C-alpha atoms as a PDB file:
ATOM      1  CA  UNK A   1     -19.654  10.073   3.291  1.00  0.00           C
ATOM      2  CA  UNK A   2     -19.512   6.435   3.728  1.00  0.00           C
ATOM      3  CA  UNK A   3     -15.850   4.374   4.435  1.00  0.00           C
ATOM      4  CA  UNK A   4     -16.718   2.078   1.972  1.00  0.00           C
ATOM      5  CA  UNK A   5     -17.433   4.951  -0.346  1.00  0.00           C
ATOM      6  CA  UNK A   6     -13.979   6.681   0.679  1.00  0.00           C
ATOM      7  CA  UNK A   7     -11.668   3.526   0.128  1.00  0.00           C
ATOM      8  CA  UNK A   8     -13.623   2.422  -3.157  1.00  0.00           C
ATOM      9  CA  UNK A   9     -12.929   5.949  -4.839  1.00  0.00           C
ATOM     10  CA  UNK A  10      -9.274   6.380  -3.047  1.00  0.00           C
ATOM     11  CA  UNK A  11      -6.079   4.692  -4.680  1.00  0.00           C
ATOM     12  CA  UNK A  12      -5.973   2.011  -1.720  1.00  0.00           C
ATOM     13  CA  UNK A  13      -7.868  -0.537  -4.173  1.00  0.00           C
ATOM     14  CA  UNK A  14      -5.373   0.079  -7.172  1.00  0.00           C
ATOM     15  CA  UNK A  15      -2.455   0.532  -5.258  1.00  0.00           C
ATOM     16  CA  UNK A  16      -2.786  -2.693  -3.422  1.00  0.00           C
ATOM     17  CA  UNK A  17      -3.955  -4.056  -6.923  1.00  0.00           C
ATOM     18  CA  UNK A  18      -0.070  -3.491  -7.971  1.00  0.00           C
ATOM     19  CA  UNK A  19       1.801  -4.539  -4.789  1.00  0.00           C
ATOM     20  CA  UNK A  20      -0.787  -6.612  -2.570  1.00  0.00           C
ATOM     21  CA  UNK A  21       0.596 -10.225  -2.942  1.00  0.00           C
ATOM     22  CA  UNK A  22       3.435 -11.989  -0.988  1.00  0.00           C
ATOM     23  CA  UNK A  23       6.965 -11.495  -2.128  1.00  0.00           C
ATOM     24  CA  UNK A  24       6.231  -7.867  -3.995  1.00  0.00           C
ATOM     25  CA  UNK A  25       7.256  -6.039  -1.378  1.00  0.00           C
ATOM     26  CA  UNK A  26      10.899  -7.944  -1.379  1.00  0.00           C
ATOM     27  CA  UNK A  27      11.130  -8.298  -4.785  1.00  0.00           C
ATOM     28  CA  UNK A  28      10.576  -4.055  -5.159  1.00  0.00           C
ATOM     29  CA  UNK A  29      13.001  -3.800  -2.428  1.00  0.00           C
ATOM     30  CA  UNK A  30      16.325  -5.936  -4.170  1.00  0.00           C
ATOM     31  CA  UNK A  31      15.987  -3.941  -6.790  1.00  0.00           C
ATOM     32  CA  UNK A  32      16.634  -0.861  -4.985  1.00  0.00           C
ATOM     33  CA  UNK A  33      20.123  -1.744  -5.376  1.00  0.00           C
ATOM     34  CA  UNK A  34      19.861  -1.973  -9.135  1.00  0.00           C
ATOM     35  CA  UNK A  35      19.238  -4.562 -12.088  1.00  0.00           C
ATOM     36  CA  UNK A  36      19.111  -8.279 -11.070  1.00  0.00           C
ATOM     37  CA  UNK A  37      18.802 -11.320 -13.120  1.00  0.00           C
ATOM     38  CA  UNK A  38      16.104 -14.128 -12.505  1.00  0.00           C
ATOM     39  CA  UNK A  39      18.566 -16.290 -10.660  1.00  0.00           C
ATOM     40  CA  UNK A  40      20.205 -13.701  -8.749  1.00  0.00           C
ATOM     41  CA  UNK A  41      16.414 -12.525  -7.070  1.00  0.00           C
ATOM     42  CA  UNK A  42      15.693 -16.564  -6.672  1.00  0.00           C
ATOM     43  CA  UNK A  43      18.732 -17.163  -4.924  1.00  0.00           C
ATOM     44  CA  UNK A  44      18.996 -14.016  -2.932  1.00  0.00           C
ATOM     45  CA  UNK A  45      15.240 -13.786  -1.592  1.00  0.00           C
ATOM     46  CA  UNK A  46      14.859 -17.830  -1.560  1.00  0.00           C
ATOM     47  CA  UNK A  47      11.668 -17.112  -3.283  1.00  0.00           C
ATOM     48  CA  UNK A  48      10.120 -20.513  -5.503  1.00  0.00           C
ATOM     49  CA  UNK A  49      10.547 -19.970  -9.195  1.00  0.00           C
ATOM     50  CA  UNK A  50       7.351 -20.396 -10.209  1.00  0.00           C
ATOM     51  CA  UNK A  51       6.048 -17.513  -7.709  1.00  0.00           C
ATOM     52  CA  UNK A  52       9.206 -15.277  -8.820  1.00  0.00           C
ATOM     53  CA  UNK A  53       8.291 -15.709 -12.610  1.00  0.00           C
ATOM     54  CA  UNK A  54       4.740 -14.749 -11.956  1.00  0.00           C
ATOM     55  CA  UNK A  55       5.151 -11.751  -9.699  1.00  0.00           C
ATOM     56  CA  UNK A  56       7.822 -10.045 -12.061  1.00  0.00           C
ATOM     57  CA  UNK A  57       5.030 -10.820 -15.080  1.00  0.00           C
ATOM     58  CA  UNK A  58       2.573  -9.104 -12.519  1.00  0.00           C
ATOM     59  CA  UNK A  59       4.915  -5.759 -11.692  1.00  0.00           C
ATOM     60  CA  UNK A  60       5.739  -5.291 -15.164  1.00  0.00           C
ATOM     61  CA  UNK A  61       2.162  -5.272 -16.229  1.00  0.00           C
ATOM     62  CA  UNK A  62       1.554  -2.644 -13.624  1.00  0.00           C
ATOM     63  CA  UNK A  63       4.353  -0.751 -15.199  1.00  0.00           C
ATOM     64  CA  UNK A  64       6.532  -1.163 -11.828  1.00  0.00           C
ATOM     65  CA  UNK A  65       9.188  -3.215 -12.978  1.00  0.00           C
ATOM     66  CA  UNK A  66      11.010  -3.275 -16.005  1.00  0.00           C
ATOM     67  CA  UNK A  67      12.756  -6.066 -18.388  1.00  0.00           C
ATOM     68  CA  UNK A  68      15.807  -5.539 -20.041  1.00  0.00           C
ATOM     69  CA  UNK A  69      17.532  -7.835 -22.350  1.00  0.00           C
ATOM     70  CA  UNK A  70      20.912  -8.701 -21.934  1.00  0.00           C
ATOM     71  CA  UNK A  71      21.007 -11.847 -23.950  1.00  0.00           C
ATOM     72  CA  UNK A  72      19.012 -12.406 -27.294  1.00  0.00           C
ATOM     73  CA  UNK A  73      19.278 -16.104 -28.052  1.00  0.00           C
ATOM     74  CA  UNK A  74      18.086 -17.564 -25.691  1.00  0.00           C
ATOM     75  CA  UNK A  75      16.548 -14.284 -24.775  1.00  0.00           C
ATOM     76  CA  UNK A  76      17.097 -13.315 -21.089  1.00  0.00           C
ATOM     77  CA  UNK A  77      16.025 -10.291 -18.997  1.00  0.00           C
ATOM     78  CA  UNK A  78      17.270  -8.436 -16.113  1.00  0.00           C
ATOM     79  CA  UNK A  79      14.571  -6.562 -14.092  1.00  0.00           C
ATOM     80  CA  UNK A  80      15.196  -3.090 -12.927  1.00  0.00           C
ATOM     81  CA  UNK A  81      12.532  -0.817 -11.117  1.00  0.00           C
ATOM     82  CA  UNK A  82      10.925   1.911 -13.322  1.00  0.00           C
ATOM     83  CA  UNK A  83      10.466   5.434 -12.472  1.00  0.00           C
ATOM     84  CA  UNK A  84       7.027   4.190 -10.593  1.00  0.00           C
ATOM     85  CA  UNK A  85       8.324   1.555  -8.768  1.00  0.00           C
ATOM     86  CA  UNK A  86      11.322   3.982  -7.517  1.00  0.00           C
ATOM     87  CA  UNK A  87       8.321   5.795  -6.265  1.00  0.00           C
ATOM     88  CA  UNK A  88       7.102   3.891  -3.956  1.00  0.00           C
ATOM     89  CA  UNK A  89      10.445   4.031  -1.681  1.00  0.00           C
ATOM     90  CA  UNK A  90       8.606   5.642   1.413  1.00  0.00           C
ATOM     91  CA  UNK A  91       6.220   2.692   1.474  1.00  0.00           C
ATOM     92  CA  UNK A  92       9.404   0.608   0.910  1.00  0.00           C
ATOM     93  CA  UNK A  93      11.443   2.123   3.649  1.00  0.00           C
ATOM     94  CA  UNK A  94       8.652   2.683   5.946  1.00  0.00           C
ATOM     95  CA  UNK A  95       7.561  -0.893   5.886  1.00  0.00           C
ATOM     96  CA  UNK A  96      10.722  -2.132   6.735  1.00  0.00           C
ATOM     97  CA  UNK A  97      11.093   0.468   9.380  1.00  0.00           C
ATOM     98  CA  UNK A  98       8.054  -0.704  11.114  1.00  0.00           C
ATOM     99  CA  UNK A  99       9.246  -4.363  10.851  1.00  0.00           C
ATOM    100  CA  UNK A 100      12.376  -3.378  12.422  1.00  0.00           C
ATOM    101  CA  UNK A 101      11.162  -1.278  15.109  1.00  0.00           C
ATOM    102  CA  UNK A 102       7.555  -3.182  16.201  1.00  0.00           C
ATOM    103  CA  UNK A 103       8.268  -7.221  14.847  1.00  0.00           C
ATOM    104  CA  UNK A 104      12.141  -7.762  15.377  1.00  0.00           C
ATOM    105  CA  UNK A 105      13.065  -7.895  11.746  1.00  0.00           C
ATOM    106  CA  UNK A 106      16.704  -7.660  10.980  1.00  0.00           C
ATOM    107  CA  UNK A 107      17.073  -4.067   8.447  1.00  0.00           C
ATOM    108  CA  UNK A 108      17.057  -4.806   4.812  1.00  0.00           C
ATOM    109  CA  UNK A 109      17.430  -1.053   3.285  1.00  0.00           C
ATOM    110  CA  UNK A 110      20.865   0.290   3.853  1.00  0.00           C
ATOM    111  CA  UNK A 111      22.553   3.588   3.377  1.00  0.00           C
ATOM    112  CA  UNK A 112      24.660   3.484   0.664  1.00  0.00           C
ATOM    113  CA  UNK A 113      25.444  -0.817   0.616  1.00  0.00           C
ATOM    114  CA  UNK A 114      25.813  -3.353   3.554  1.00  0.00           C
ATOM    115  CA  UNK A 115      28.897  -1.879   4.835  1.00  0.00           C
ATOM    116  CA  UNK A 116      27.448   1.240   5.260  1.00  0.00           C
ATOM    117  CA  UNK A 117      24.762   1.587   8.057  1.00  0.00           C
ATOM    118  CA  UNK A 118      20.624   0.077   8.382  1.00  0.00           C
ATOM    119  CA  UNK A 119      18.246   3.010   7.120  1.00  0.00           C
ATOM    120  CA  UNK A 120      15.644   3.371   9.884  1.00  0.00           C
ATOM    121  CA  UNK A 121      12.933   6.007   7.686  1.00  0.00           C
ATOM    122  CA  UNK A 122      10.984   8.276  10.015  1.00  0.00           C
ATOM    123  CA  UNK A 123       8.260  10.477   7.961  1.00  0.00           C
ATOM    124  CA  UNK A 124       8.287  14.152   9.309  1.00  0.00           C
ATOM    125  CA  UNK A 125       5.924  17.142   7.804  1.00  0.00           C
ATOM    126  CA  UNK A 126       8.226  18.703   4.968  1.00  0.00           C
ATOM    127  CA  UNK A 127       6.472  21.946   6.554  1.00  0.00           C
ATOM    128  CA  UNK A 128       7.698  21.550  10.002  1.00  0.00           C
ATOM    129  CA  UNK A 129       9.920  19.078  10.775  1.00  0.00           C
ATOM    130  CA  UNK A 130       7.880  16.823  12.984  1.00  0.00           C
ATOM    131  CA  UNK A 131       7.592  13.470  13.259  1.00  0.00           C
ATOM    132  CA  UNK A 132       4.000  12.381  11.786  1.00  0.00           C
ATOM    133  CA  UNK A 133       1.580  10.715  14.081  1.00  0.00           C
ATOM    134  CA  UNK A 134      -2.037   9.819  13.716  1.00  0.00           C
ATOM    135  CA  UNK A 135      -3.024  11.604  16.811  1.00  0.00           C
ATOM    136  CA  UNK A 136      -1.757  15.092  14.774  1.00  0.00           C
ATOM    137  CA  UNK A 137      -3.343  14.754  11.806  1.00  0.00           C
ATOM    138  CA  UNK A 138      -7.052  15.860  10.416  1.00  0.00           C
ATOM    139  CA  UNK A 139      -8.251  14.807   7.330  1.00  0.00           C
ATOM    140  CA  UNK A 140     -10.996  15.742   4.535  1.00  0.00           C
ATOM    141  CA  UNK A 141     -12.110  14.139   1.372  1.00  0.00           C
ATOM    142  CA  UNK A 142     -12.650  15.927  -1.819  1.00  0.00           C
ATOM    143  CA  UNK A 143     -16.359  17.428  -2.687  1.00  0.00           C
ATOM    144  CA  UNK A 144     -16.543  15.651  -5.765  1.00  0.00           C
ATOM    145  CA  UNK A 145     -14.711  11.990  -4.695  1.00  0.00           C
ATOM    146  CA  UNK A 146     -18.389  10.432  -4.740  1.00  0.00           C
ATOM    147  CA  UNK A 147     -18.572  10.975  -8.386  1.00  0.00           C
ATOM    148  CA  UNK A 148     -15.693   9.609  -9.574  1.00  0.00           C
ATOM    149  CA  UNK A 149     -15.285   6.212 -10.881  1.00  0.00           C
ATOM    150  CA  UNK A 150     -12.686   3.818  -8.420  1.00  0.00           C
ATOM    151  CA  UNK A 151      -9.444   3.641 -11.535  1.00  0.00           C
ATOM    152  CA  UNK A 152      -6.322   2.378 -11.165  1.00  0.00           C
ATOM    153  CA  UNK A 153      -3.153   4.886 -11.987  1.00  0.00           C
ATOM    154  CA  UNK A 154      -3.618   4.263 -15.598  1.00  0.00           C
ATOM    155  CA  UNK A 155      -7.594   5.107 -15.658  1.00  0.00           C
ATOM    156  CA  UNK A 156      -8.941   1.426 -16.072  1.00  0.00           C
ATOM    157  CA  UNK A 157     -11.517  -0.004 -13.447  1.00  0.00           C
ATOM    158  CA  UNK A 158      -9.957  -1.594 -10.400  1.00  0.00           C
ATOM    159  CA  UNK A 159     -10.043  -5.245 -10.288  1.00  0.00           C
ATOM    160  CA  UNK A 160     -11.253  -7.423  -7.176  1.00  0.00           C
ATOM    161  CA  UNK A 161      -8.801  -9.447  -5.300  1.00  0.00           C
ATOM    162  CA  UNK A 162     -10.974 -11.477  -3.777  1.00  0.00           C
ATOM    163  CA  UNK A 163      -9.503 -14.841  -5.678  1.00  0.00           C
ATOM    164  CA  UNK A 164      -5.827 -13.114  -5.011  1.00  0.00           C
ATOM    165  CA  UNK A 165      -6.041 -12.544  -1.212  1.00  0.00           C
ATOM    166  CA  UNK A 166      -5.106 -16.150   0.359  1.00  0.00           C
ATOM    167  CA  UNK A 167      -5.017 -16.241   4.157  1.00  0.00           C
ATOM    168  CA  UNK A 168      -1.853 -18.396   6.045  1.00  0.00           C
ATOM    169  CA  UNK A 169      -4.199 -17.998   8.927  1.00  0.00           C
ATOM    170  CA  UNK A 170      -1.189 -16.645  10.783  1.00  0.00           C
ATOM    171  CA  UNK A 171      -0.629 -13.647  12.825  1.00  0.00           C
ATOM    172  CA  UNK A 172      -0.011 -10.617  10.494  1.00  0.00           C
ATOM    173  CA  UNK A 173       3.145  -9.271  12.554  1.00  0.00           C
ATOM    174  CA  UNK A 174       4.960  -7.654  10.013  1.00  0.00           C
ATOM    175  CA  UNK A 175       3.527  -4.757   7.700  1.00  0.00           C
ATOM    176  CA  UNK A 176       5.099  -6.039   4.893  1.00  0.00           C
ATOM    177  CA  UNK A 177       2.567  -8.987   5.494  1.00  0.00           C
ATOM    178  CA  UNK A 178      -0.517  -6.521   6.227  1.00  0.00           C
ATOM    179  CA  UNK A 179       0.044  -4.780   2.857  1.00  0.00           C
ATOM    180  CA  UNK A 180       0.742  -8.027   0.957  1.00  0.00           C
ATOM    181  CA  UNK A 181      -2.973  -9.226   2.044  1.00  0.00           C
ATOM    182  CA  UNK A 182      -5.418  -7.072   0.836  1.00  0.00           C
ATOM    183  CA  UNK A 183      -8.219  -7.900   2.813  1.00  0.00           C
ATOM    184  CA  UNK A 184      -5.887  -7.043   6.004  1.00  0.00           C
ATOM    185  CA  UNK A 185      -4.720  -3.889   4.586  1.00  0.00           C
ATOM    186  CA  UNK A 186      -8.410  -2.599   3.708  1.00  0.00           C
ATOM    187  CA  UNK A 187      -8.963  -3.685   6.820  1.00  0.00           C
ATOM    188  CA  UNK A 188      -6.562  -1.157   8.688  1.00  0.00           C
ATOM    189  CA  UNK A 189      -7.350   1.703   6.311  1.00  0.00           C
ATOM    190  CA  UNK A 190     -10.818   1.316   7.240  1.00  0.00           C
ATOM    191  CA  UNK A 191     -10.007   1.191  11.134  1.00  0.00           C
ATOM    192  CA  UNK A 192      -8.003   4.385   9.999  1.00  0.00           C
ATOM    193  CA  UNK A 193     -10.699   6.213   8.767  1.00  0.00           C
ATOM    194  CA  UNK A 194     -13.075   5.630  12.302  1.00  0.00           C
ATOM    195  CA  UNK A 195     -14.807   2.387  11.814  1.00  0.00           C
ATOM    196  CA  UNK A 196     -14.846   0.136  14.603  1.00  0.00           C
ATOM    197  CA  UNK A 197     -17.763  -2.279  14.232  1.00  0.00           C
ATOM    198  CA  UNK A 198     -17.617  -5.465  12.433  1.00  0.00           C
ATOM    199  CA  UNK A 199     -20.844  -4.914  10.201  1.00  0.00           C
ATOM    200  CA  UNK A 200     -18.818  -1.248   9.435  1.00  0.00           C
ATOM    201  CA  UNK A 201     -15.959  -3.157   8.487  1.00  0.00           C
ATOM    202  CA  UNK A 202     -17.633  -5.350   6.585  1.00  0.00           C
ATOM    203  CA  UNK A 203     -19.524  -2.976   4.432  1.00  0.00           C
ATOM    204  CA  UNK A 204     -16.384  -0.694   3.965  1.00  0.00           C
ATOM    205  CA  UNK A 205     -14.234  -3.223   2.470  1.00  0.00           C
ATOM    206  CA  UNK A 206     -16.684  -5.018   0.806  1.00  0.00           C
ATOM    207  CA  UNK A 207     -15.390  -8.699   2.042  1.00  0.00           C
ATOM    208  CA  UNK A 208     -17.228 -11.448   3.033  1.00  0.00           C
ATOM    209  CA  UNK A 209     -17.733 -11.633   6.930  1.00  0.00           C
ATOM    210  CA  UNK A 210     -15.698 -14.845   7.273  1.00  0.00           C
ATOM    211  CA  UNK A 211     -13.405 -12.444   5.832  1.00  0.00           C
ATOM    212  CA  UNK A 212     -12.946  -9.793   8.341  1.00  0.00           C
ATOM    213  CA  UNK A 213     -13.675 -11.945  10.818  1.00  0.00           C
ATOM    214  CA  UNK A 214     -10.503 -14.173  10.237  1.00  0.00           C
ATOM    215  CA  UNK A 215      -8.096 -10.721   9.176  1.00  0.00           C
ATOM    216  CA  UNK A 216      -9.412  -9.285  12.752  1.00  0.00           C
ATOM    217  CA  UNK A 217      -8.236 -12.099  14.213  1.00  0.00           C
ATOM    218  CA  UNK A 218      -5.319 -12.704  12.960  1.00  0.00           C
ATOM    219  CA  UNK A 219      -4.340  -8.633  13.413  1.00  0.00           C
ATOM    220  CA  UNK A 220      -5.829  -9.009  16.813  1.00  0.00           C
ATOM    221  CA  UNK A 221      -3.191 -12.011  17.109  1.00  0.00           C
ATOM    222  CA  UNK A 222      -0.196  -9.603  16.113  1.00  0.00           C
ATOM    223  CA  UNK A 223      -1.454  -7.048  18.281  1.00  0.00           C
ATOM    224  CA  UNK A 224      -2.278  -4.614  15.703  1.00  0.00           C
ATOM    225  CA  UNK A 225      -6.021  -4.119  16.794  1.00  0.00           C
ATOM    226  CA  UNK A 226      -8.120  -4.283  20.096  1.00  0.00           C
ATOM    227  CA  UNK A 227     -10.765  -6.672  19.681  1.00  0.00           C
ATOM    228  CA  UNK A 228     -14.409  -6.107  19.866  1.00  0.00           C
ATOM    229  CA  UNK A 229     -16.912  -5.365  20.113  1.00  0.00           C
ATOM    230  CA  UNK A 230     -15.828  -1.885  19.002  1.00  0.00           C
ATOM    231  CA  UNK A 231     -12.469  -2.325  17.195  1.00  0.00           C
ATOM    232  CA  UNK A 232      -9.691  -0.333  17.243  1.00  0.00           C
ATOM    233  CA  UNK A 233      -6.029   0.131  16.550  1.00  0.00           C
ATOM    234  CA  UNK A 234      -3.486  -0.751  19.100  1.00  0.00           C
ATOM    235  CA  UNK A 235      -0.625   1.688  19.920  1.00  0.00           C
ATOM    236  CA  UNK A 236       1.787  -0.625  17.692  1.00  0.00           C
ATOM    237  CA  UNK A 237      -1.337  -0.668  14.682  1.00  0.00           C
ATOM    238  CA  UNK A 238      -1.335   2.995  14.942  1.00  0.00           C
ATOM    239  CA  UNK A 239       2.492   2.946  13.943  1.00  0.00           C
ATOM    240  CA  UNK A 240       1.114   1.566  10.526  1.00  0.00           C
ATOM    241  CA  UNK A 241      -0.191   5.586  10.214  1.00  0.00           C
ATOM    242  CA  UNK A 242       2.691   6.854   8.175  1.00  0.00           C
ATOM    243  CA  UNK A 243       3.219   3.827   6.145  1.00  0.00           C
ATOM    244  CA  UNK A 244      -0.784   4.323   5.253  1.00  0.00           C
ATOM    245  CA  UNK A 245      -0.207   7.875   4.594  1.00  0.00           C
ATOM    246  CA  UNK A 246       2.950   6.602   1.721  1.00  0.00           C
ATOM    247  CA  UNK A 247       0.402   4.308   0.442  1.00  0.00           C
ATOM    248  CA  UNK A 248      -2.184   6.372  -0.196  1.00  0.00           C
ATOM    249  CA  UNK A 249       0.076   9.316  -1.491  1.00  0.00           C
ATOM    250  CA  UNK A 250       1.765   7.096  -4.459  1.00  0.00           C
ATOM    251  CA  UNK A 251      -1.922   6.012  -5.632  1.00  0.00           C
ATOM    252  CA  UNK A 252      -2.821   9.345  -6.080  1.00  0.00           C
ATOM    253  CA  UNK A 253       0.204  11.032  -7.415  1.00  0.00           C
ATOM    254  CA  UNK A 254       0.028   8.068 -10.156  1.00  0.00           C
ATOM    255  CA  UNK A 255      -3.635   8.609 -10.625  1.00  0.00           C
ATOM    256  CA  UNK A 256      -3.311  12.568 -10.702  1.00  0.00           C
ATOM    257  CA  UNK A 257      -5.892  13.822  -8.320  1.00  0.00           C
ATOM    258  CA  UNK A 258      -5.983  13.525  -4.737  1.00  0.00           C
ATOM    259  CA  UNK A 259      -8.309  10.833  -2.770  1.00  0.00           C
ATOM    260  CA  UNK A 260      -7.477  12.552   0.939  1.00  0.00           C
ATOM    261  CA  UNK A 261      -6.284  15.247   1.960  1.00  0.00           C
ATOM    262  CA  UNK A 262      -4.321  15.251   5.394  1.00  0.00           C
ATOM    263  CA  UNK A 263      -3.887  18.745   7.571  1.00  0.00           C
ATOM    264  CA  UNK A 264      -0.802  18.422  10.338  1.00  0.00           C
ATOM    265  CA  UNK A 265      -1.205  20.089  13.519  1.00  0.00           C
ATOM    266  CA  UNK A 266       1.405  22.957  12.397  1.00  0.00           C
ATOM    267  CA  UNK A 267      -1.122  24.036   9.963  1.00  0.00           C
ATOM    268  CA  UNK A 268       0.016  22.871   6.518  1.00  0.00           C
ATOM    269  CA  UNK A 269      -1.312  20.717   4.489  1.00  0.00           C
ATOM    270  CA  UNK A 270       0.962  17.346   5.261  1.00  0.00           C
ATOM    271  CA  UNK A 271       3.725  16.439   2.746  1.00  0.00           C
ATOM    272  CA  UNK A 272       5.481  13.115   3.388  1.00  0.00           C
ATOM    273  CA  UNK A 273       9.401  13.654   4.194  1.00  0.00           C
ATOM    274  CA  UNK A 274      11.346  10.429   4.578  1.00  0.00           C
ATOM    275  CA  UNK A 275      14.381  10.877   7.015  1.00  0.00           C
ATOM    276  CA  UNK A 276      17.006   8.311   8.376  1.00  0.00           C
ATOM    277  CA  UNK A 277      16.504   8.004  11.969  1.00  0.00           C
ATOM    278  CA  UNK A 278      19.930   6.587  12.553  1.00  0.00           C
ATOM    279  CA  UNK A 279      22.000   9.488  10.573  1.00  0.00           C
ATOM    280  CA  UNK A 280      19.578  12.570  10.151  1.00  0.00           C
ATOM    281  CA  UNK A 281      19.956  12.379   6.407  1.00  0.00           C
ATOM    282  CA  UNK A 282      16.729  12.347   3.750  1.00  0.00           C
ATOM    283  CA  UNK A 283      16.059   8.960   2.468  1.00  0.00           C
ATOM    284  CA  UNK A 284      16.250   9.138  -1.737  1.00  0.00           C
ATOM    285  CA  UNK A 285      16.115   5.801  -3.871  1.00  0.00           C
ATOM    286  CA  UNK A 286      19.915   7.016  -5.276  1.00  0.00           C
ATOM    287  CA  UNK A 287      21.279   6.606  -1.881  1.00  0.00           C
ATOM    288  CA  UNK A 288      19.728   3.615  -0.274  1.00  0.00           C
ATOM    289  CA  UNK A 289      20.559  -0.328  -1.354  1.00  0.00           C
ATOM    290  CA  UNK A 290      18.660  -3.914  -0.113  1.00  0.00           C
ATOM    291  CA  UNK A 291      20.942  -6.378   1.650  1.00  0.00           C
ATOM    292  CA  UNK A 292      20.833  -9.982  -0.138  1.00  0.00           C
ATOM    293  CA  UNK A 293      22.609 -12.375  -0.413  1.00  0.00           C
ATOM    294  CA  UNK A 294      23.503 -12.257  -3.683  1.00  0.00           C
ATOM    295  CA  UNK A 295      25.539  -8.864  -5.294  1.00  0.00           C
ATOM    296  CA  UNK A 296      23.595  -6.865  -7.661  1.00  0.00           C
ATOM    297  CA  UNK A 297      23.778  -7.677 -11.425  1.00  0.00           C
ATOM    298  CA  UNK A 298      27.046  -6.321 -13.358  1.00  0.00           C
ATOM    299  CA  UNK A 299      26.223  -7.517 -16.759  1.00  0.00           C
ATOM    300  CA  UNK A 300      25.376  -4.432 -19.130  1.00  0.00           C
ATOM    301  CA  UNK A 301      21.439  -4.209 -19.886  1.00  0.00           C
ATOM    302  CA  UNK A 302      19.682  -2.727 -22.753  1.00  0.00           C
ATOM    303  CA  UNK A 303      17.771   0.742 -22.237  1.00  0.00           C
END
């Protein structure tokens, strides 16, 4: 099956439609600590108010965030993760871990509160407990995948993102920057699926050649991709593999059917489990907080 069809009929487009904008992952991470009001998010994240308003509406419309009224006149809301938003924890934790390990970022996720220790999430095979690496995996695709229509988690056709994916022309050093640029994320996904030639990447992503060329340059500048004519992920780029798997697993779970079957070298179908490399404990949404400049909202909210 062509890589174009594997991407188009997978959960990648619909998931990127939900989270593939700047600030989105930071917003979702900030809500891991509990409900927060608009002013708290604006001050704690340093996000422009107009951008924050737009992103919150988007996340609410995709069912990842809930707006809970805590005052009626005038109406004021606190924002909290929905169950679907909380299930993005593997994506958030693995992105944070990549940025700390490979991009020199400060950790933003903590076990307990900021007085605890930073979460260093690693993805392991739930069957054998070994850390997941791309070299240890084999992939297969459902026989009926080509007959499915590309839909989002609610069954609606996925929408194009060409008008919303805007480039800053800076190297994509951080995993969050890759995921929040839908075209860059699709290029990385296509590379993981085996595409190497420029024309193949254009066909796989369904992006204009100039968009693919520019994203490849930014990924190369960030040392995630090695240059053409045959493009390949560098060792640093291959470290994104567990994050991409978590992204697809999240989308498949929301859609209710798989778009990719992965088998670990232990012989078992891959099920990701997160483990903190600092303490060895499992990483659960109930045990993770986000380090921000302001404390969590303490105002009671309506459920």
